[in-house]
Amino acid sequence: MRPLVIGAIVVAGLAFMGVVVWGTLQGAEVECEVCLVFDGEEVCRLGRGESEVDALAAAHSSACGGNTSGMAESIACVNRIPERSSCPAN
């Protein structure tokens, strides 16, 4: 391939990635943090969403994501009430 074609492909790829990242962040207007204890371990995660409810749900899901193994533990974690949560004004 010629260098011009390779350069055009790289630029197009970077532009596509930029559009995807920009589009993803456009809908995220609220950011919240949720902290929960599961199996004796406290995990705090951030989540973003169009509303506070969406952001809290995303943060809760994220906190459970790396903290569980298997479907039963995942369900138990999602049903757990967070120790604390906050959505500071942006």
N, C-alpha and C. Protein backbone atom coordinates (compact mmCIF):
# COMPACT_ATOMS: atom_id res chain seq x y z
N MET A 1 0.83 -1.19 0.00
CA MET A 1 0.00 0.00 0.00
C MET A 1 0.87 1.24 0.00
N ARG A 2 0.32 2.25 -0.58
CA ARG A 2 1.06 3.51 -0.62
C ARG A 2 0.90 4.25 0.70
N PRO A 3 1.90 5.05 1.07
CA PRO A 3 1.83 5.80 2.34
C PRO A 3 0.60 6.70 2.44
N LEU A 4 0.15 7.25 1.33
CA LEU A 4 -1.01 8.13 1.35
C LEU A 4 -2.27 7.35 1.75
N VAL A 5 -2.41 6.14 1.25
CA VAL A 5 -3.57 5.31 1.57
C VAL A 5 -3.54 4.92 3.05
N ILE A 6 -2.38 4.53 3.53
CA ILE A 6 -2.22 4.16 4.94
C ILE A 6 -2.55 5.35 5.84
N GLY A 7 -2.06 6.51 5.49
CA GLY A 7 -2.34 7.72 6.25
C GLY A 7 -3.83 8.04 6.28
N ALA A 8 -4.49 7.88 5.14
CA ALA A 8 -5.93 8.14 5.07
C ALA A 8 -6.70 7.15 5.95
N ILE A 9 -6.28 5.91 5.96
CA ILE A 9 -6.94 4.90 6.80
C ILE A 9 -6.76 5.23 8.28
N VAL A 10 -5.56 5.63 8.66
CA VAL A 10 -5.29 5.98 10.06
C VAL A 10 -6.13 7.19 10.47
N VAL A 11 -6.17 8.22 9.64
CA VAL A 11 -6.95 9.42 9.95
C VAL A 11 -8.44 9.08 10.05
N ALA A 12 -8.94 8.27 9.14
CA ALA A 12 -10.36 7.88 9.19
C ALA A 12 -10.65 7.08 10.46
N GLY A 13 -9.75 6.19 10.86
CA GLY A 13 -9.93 5.41 12.09
C GLY A 13 -9.95 6.30 13.32
N LEU A 14 -9.04 7.24 13.39
CA LEU A 14 -8.99 8.17 14.53
C LEU A 14 -10.25 9.04 14.57
N ALA A 15 -10.70 9.49 13.43
CA ALA A 15 -11.91 10.30 13.38
C ALA A 15 -13.12 9.50 13.86
N PHE A 16 -13.21 8.24 13.43
CA PHE A 16 -14.31 7.38 13.86
C PHE A 16 -14.28 7.19 15.37
N MET A 17 -13.11 6.92 15.93
CA MET A 17 -12.99 6.74 17.38
C MET A 17 -13.38 8.01 18.11
N GLY A 18 -13.00 9.14 17.60
CA GLY A 18 -13.36 10.42 18.22
C GLY A 18 -14.86 10.64 18.23
N VAL A 19 -15.53 10.31 17.14
CA VAL A 19 -16.98 10.47 17.05
C VAL A 19 -17.67 9.53 18.05
N VAL A 20 -17.18 8.31 18.18
CA VAL A 20 -17.77 7.35 19.12
C VAL A 20 -17.62 7.85 20.56
N VAL A 21 -16.43 8.31 20.93
CA VAL A 21 -16.20 8.80 22.29
C VAL A 21 -17.05 10.05 22.55
N TRP A 22 -17.07 10.97 21.61
CA TRP A 22 -17.86 12.19 21.77
C TRP A 22 -19.33 11.87 21.91
N GLY A 23 -19.85 10.98 21.07
CA GLY A 23 -21.26 10.61 21.13
C GLY A 23 -21.62 9.92 22.43
N THR A 24 -20.71 9.12 22.96
CA THR A 24 -20.95 8.43 24.22
C THR A 24 -21.03 9.41 25.37
N LEU A 25 -20.17 10.39 25.39
CA LEU A 25 -20.12 11.35 26.49
C LEU A 25 -21.21 12.41 26.40
N GLN A 26 -21.78 12.62 25.24
CA GLN A 26 -22.83 13.64 25.09
C GLN A 26 -24.05 13.31 25.93
N GLY A 27 -24.45 12.05 26.00
CA GLY A 27 -25.65 11.68 26.74
C GLY A 27 -25.44 11.63 28.24
N ALA A 28 -24.19 11.59 28.67
CA ALA A 28 -23.90 11.45 30.09
C ALA A 28 -23.84 12.83 30.74
N GLU A 29 -24.95 13.23 31.35
CA GLU A 29 -25.02 14.55 31.95
C GLU A 29 -24.81 14.52 33.45
N VAL A 30 -25.08 13.37 34.09
CA VAL A 30 -24.99 13.26 35.54
C VAL A 30 -23.98 12.18 35.89
N GLU A 31 -23.15 12.45 36.89
CA GLU A 31 -22.19 11.46 37.37
C GLU A 31 -22.43 11.21 38.86
N CYS A 32 -22.54 9.94 39.23
CA CYS A 32 -22.79 9.55 40.62
C CYS A 32 -21.78 8.49 41.05
N GLU A 33 -21.59 8.42 42.36
CA GLU A 33 -20.72 7.39 42.93
C GLU A 33 -21.55 6.53 43.89
N VAL A 34 -21.36 5.23 43.81
CA VAL A 34 -22.03 4.28 44.70
C VAL A 34 -20.97 3.44 45.39
N CYS A 35 -21.10 3.29 46.70
CA CYS A 35 -20.21 2.42 47.48
C CYS A 35 -21.06 1.35 48.14
N LEU A 36 -20.65 0.10 47.97
CA LEU A 36 -21.37 -0.99 48.61
C LEU A 36 -20.39 -2.02 49.14
N VAL A 37 -20.86 -2.78 50.13
CA VAL A 37 -20.06 -3.84 50.73
C VAL A 37 -20.68 -5.16 50.31
N PHE A 38 -19.84 -6.02 49.72
CA PHE A 38 -20.29 -7.34 49.32
C PHE A 38 -19.19 -8.33 49.66
N ASP A 39 -19.53 -9.37 50.38
CA ASP A 39 -18.56 -10.36 50.85
C ASP A 39 -17.43 -9.71 51.65
N GLY A 40 -17.78 -8.71 52.45
CA GLY A 40 -16.81 -8.06 53.32
C GLY A 40 -15.88 -7.08 52.64
N GLU A 41 -16.09 -6.82 51.37
CA GLU A 41 -15.22 -5.91 50.63
C GLU A 41 -16.02 -4.70 50.17
N GLU A 42 -15.52 -3.49 50.49
CA GLU A 42 -16.19 -2.28 50.03
C GLU A 42 -15.64 -1.89 48.66
N VAL A 43 -16.57 -1.61 47.76
CA VAL A 43 -16.20 -1.19 46.41
C VAL A 43 -16.98 0.07 46.08
N CYS A 44 -16.28 1.07 45.58
CA CYS A 44 -16.91 2.32 45.15
C CYS A 44 -16.64 2.51 43.66
N ARG A 45 -17.68 2.85 42.92
CA ARG A 45 -17.54 3.07 41.48
C ARG A 45 -18.38 4.27 41.04
N LEU A 46 -17.93 4.90 39.97
CA LEU A 46 -18.65 6.01 39.36
C LEU A 46 -19.52 5.49 38.23
N GLY A 47 -20.61 6.19 37.99
CA GLY A 47 -21.48 5.88 36.86
C GLY A 47 -22.02 7.17 36.27
N ARG A 48 -22.29 7.16 34.98
CA ARG A 48 -22.83 8.33 34.30
C ARG A 48 -24.13 7.96 33.60
N GLY A 49 -25.00 8.93 33.50
CA GLY A 49 -26.26 8.72 32.81
C GLY A 49 -26.96 10.02 32.52
N GLU A 50 -28.04 9.92 31.78
CA GLU A 50 -28.81 11.11 31.42
C GLU A 50 -29.56 11.68 32.61
N SER A 51 -29.85 10.83 33.60
CA SER A 51 -30.54 11.30 34.80
C SER A 51 -29.81 10.74 36.02
N GLU A 52 -30.17 11.23 37.19
CA GLU A 52 -29.55 10.75 38.42
C GLU A 52 -29.86 9.26 38.63
N VAL A 53 -31.07 8.85 38.30
CA VAL A 53 -31.45 7.44 38.45
C VAL A 53 -30.59 6.56 37.55
N ASP A 54 -30.38 6.99 36.31
CA ASP A 54 -29.55 6.22 35.38
C ASP A 54 -28.10 6.16 35.84
N ALA A 55 -27.59 7.28 36.33
CA ALA A 55 -26.20 7.33 36.80
C ALA A 55 -26.00 6.44 38.03
N LEU A 56 -26.96 6.47 38.95
CA LEU A 56 -26.86 5.61 40.14
C LEU A 56 -26.92 4.13 39.76
N ALA A 57 -27.80 3.79 38.82
CA ALA A 57 -27.90 2.40 38.37
C ALA A 57 -26.61 1.95 37.69
N ALA A 58 -26.01 2.82 36.89
CA ALA A 58 -24.76 2.48 36.21
C ALA A 58 -23.63 2.29 37.22
N ALA A 59 -23.56 3.15 38.22
CA ALA A 59 -22.52 3.03 39.25
C ALA A 59 -22.71 1.76 40.07
N HIS A 60 -23.94 1.45 40.42
CA HIS A 60 -24.24 0.24 41.20
C HIS A 60 -23.85 -1.00 40.40
N SER A 61 -24.23 -1.02 39.14
CA SER A 61 -23.89 -2.15 38.27
C SER A 61 -22.39 -2.30 38.12
N SER A 62 -21.69 -1.19 37.99
CA SER A 62 -20.24 -1.22 37.87
C SER A 62 -19.58 -1.74 39.13
N ALA A 63 -20.10 -1.33 40.28
CA ALA A 63 -19.53 -1.80 41.56
C ALA A 63 -19.70 -3.30 41.70
N CYS A 64 -20.80 -3.84 41.20
CA CYS A 64 -21.03 -5.28 41.30
C CYS A 64 -20.26 -6.05 40.23
N GLY A 65 -19.93 -5.40 39.14
CA GLY A 65 -19.29 -6.08 38.02
C GLY A 65 -17.98 -6.76 38.35
N GLY A 66 -17.09 -6.08 39.06
CA GLY A 66 -15.80 -6.65 39.37
C GLY A 66 -15.75 -7.30 40.74
N ASN A 67 -16.88 -7.35 41.39
CA ASN A 67 -16.91 -7.78 42.79
C ASN A 67 -17.56 -9.16 42.96
N THR A 68 -18.07 -9.73 41.87
CA THR A 68 -18.82 -10.98 41.97
C THR A 68 -18.32 -11.98 40.95
N SER A 69 -18.65 -13.25 41.20
CA SER A 69 -18.40 -14.28 40.21
C SER A 69 -19.63 -15.18 40.17
N GLY A 70 -20.20 -15.32 39.01
CA GLY A 70 -21.39 -16.15 38.87
C GLY A 70 -22.67 -15.35 38.95
N MET A 71 -23.71 -15.93 38.40
CA MET A 71 -25.00 -15.25 38.32
C MET A 71 -25.63 -15.03 39.69
N ALA A 72 -25.55 -16.00 40.57
CA ALA A 72 -26.18 -15.87 41.89
C ALA A 72 -25.56 -14.72 42.67
N GLU A 73 -24.24 -14.61 42.65
CA GLU A 73 -23.57 -13.50 43.35
C GLU A 73 -23.91 -12.17 42.70
N SER A 74 -23.98 -12.14 41.37
CA SER A 74 -24.31 -10.90 40.68
C SER A 74 -25.70 -10.41 41.07
N ILE A 75 -26.66 -11.32 41.12
CA ILE A 75 -28.02 -10.94 41.51
C ILE A 75 -28.06 -10.46 42.95
N ALA A 76 -27.35 -11.17 43.83
CA ALA A 76 -27.31 -10.76 45.24
C ALA A 76 -26.68 -9.38 45.40
N CYS A 77 -25.64 -9.10 44.62
CA CYS A 77 -24.95 -7.81 44.71
C CYS A 77 -25.85 -6.68 44.19
N VAL A 78 -26.50 -6.91 43.07
CA VAL A 78 -27.37 -5.87 42.50
C VAL A 78 -28.53 -5.55 43.45
N ASN A 79 -28.99 -6.54 44.20
CA ASN A 79 -30.09 -6.31 45.14
C ASN A 79 -29.63 -5.72 46.47
N ARG A 80 -28.33 -5.59 46.67
CA ARG A 80 -27.78 -5.03 47.91
C ARG A 80 -27.99 -3.53 47.92
N ILE A 81 -28.36 -3.00 49.08
CA ILE A 81 -28.53 -1.55 49.24
C ILE A 81 -27.14 -0.95 49.46
N PRO A 82 -26.80 0.10 48.69
CA PRO A 82 -25.48 0.73 48.83
C PRO A 82 -25.25 1.31 50.23
N GLU A 83 -24.02 1.27 50.69
CA GLU A 83 -23.64 1.89 51.95
C GLU A 83 -23.78 3.40 51.86
N ARG A 84 -23.38 3.94 50.71
CA ARG A 84 -23.54 5.36 50.48
C ARG A 84 -23.52 5.62 48.96
N SER A 85 -24.15 6.71 48.59
CA SER A 85 -24.15 7.13 47.19
C SER A 85 -24.23 8.65 47.15
N SER A 86 -23.66 9.20 46.11
CA SER A 86 -23.70 10.66 45.97
C SER A 86 -23.65 11.04 44.49
N CYS A 87 -24.31 12.12 44.19
CA CYS A 87 -24.32 12.68 42.85
C CYS A 87 -23.99 14.16 42.97
N PRO A 88 -22.71 14.50 43.06
CA PRO A 88 -22.36 15.91 43.22
C PRO A 88 -22.80 16.72 42.00
N ALA A 89 -23.15 17.97 42.23
CA ALA A 89 -23.56 18.85 41.14
C ALA A 89 -22.41 19.05 40.18
N ASN A 90 -22.70 18.96 38.90
CA ASN A 90 -21.65 19.14 37.87
C ASN A 90 -21.61 20.56 37.40
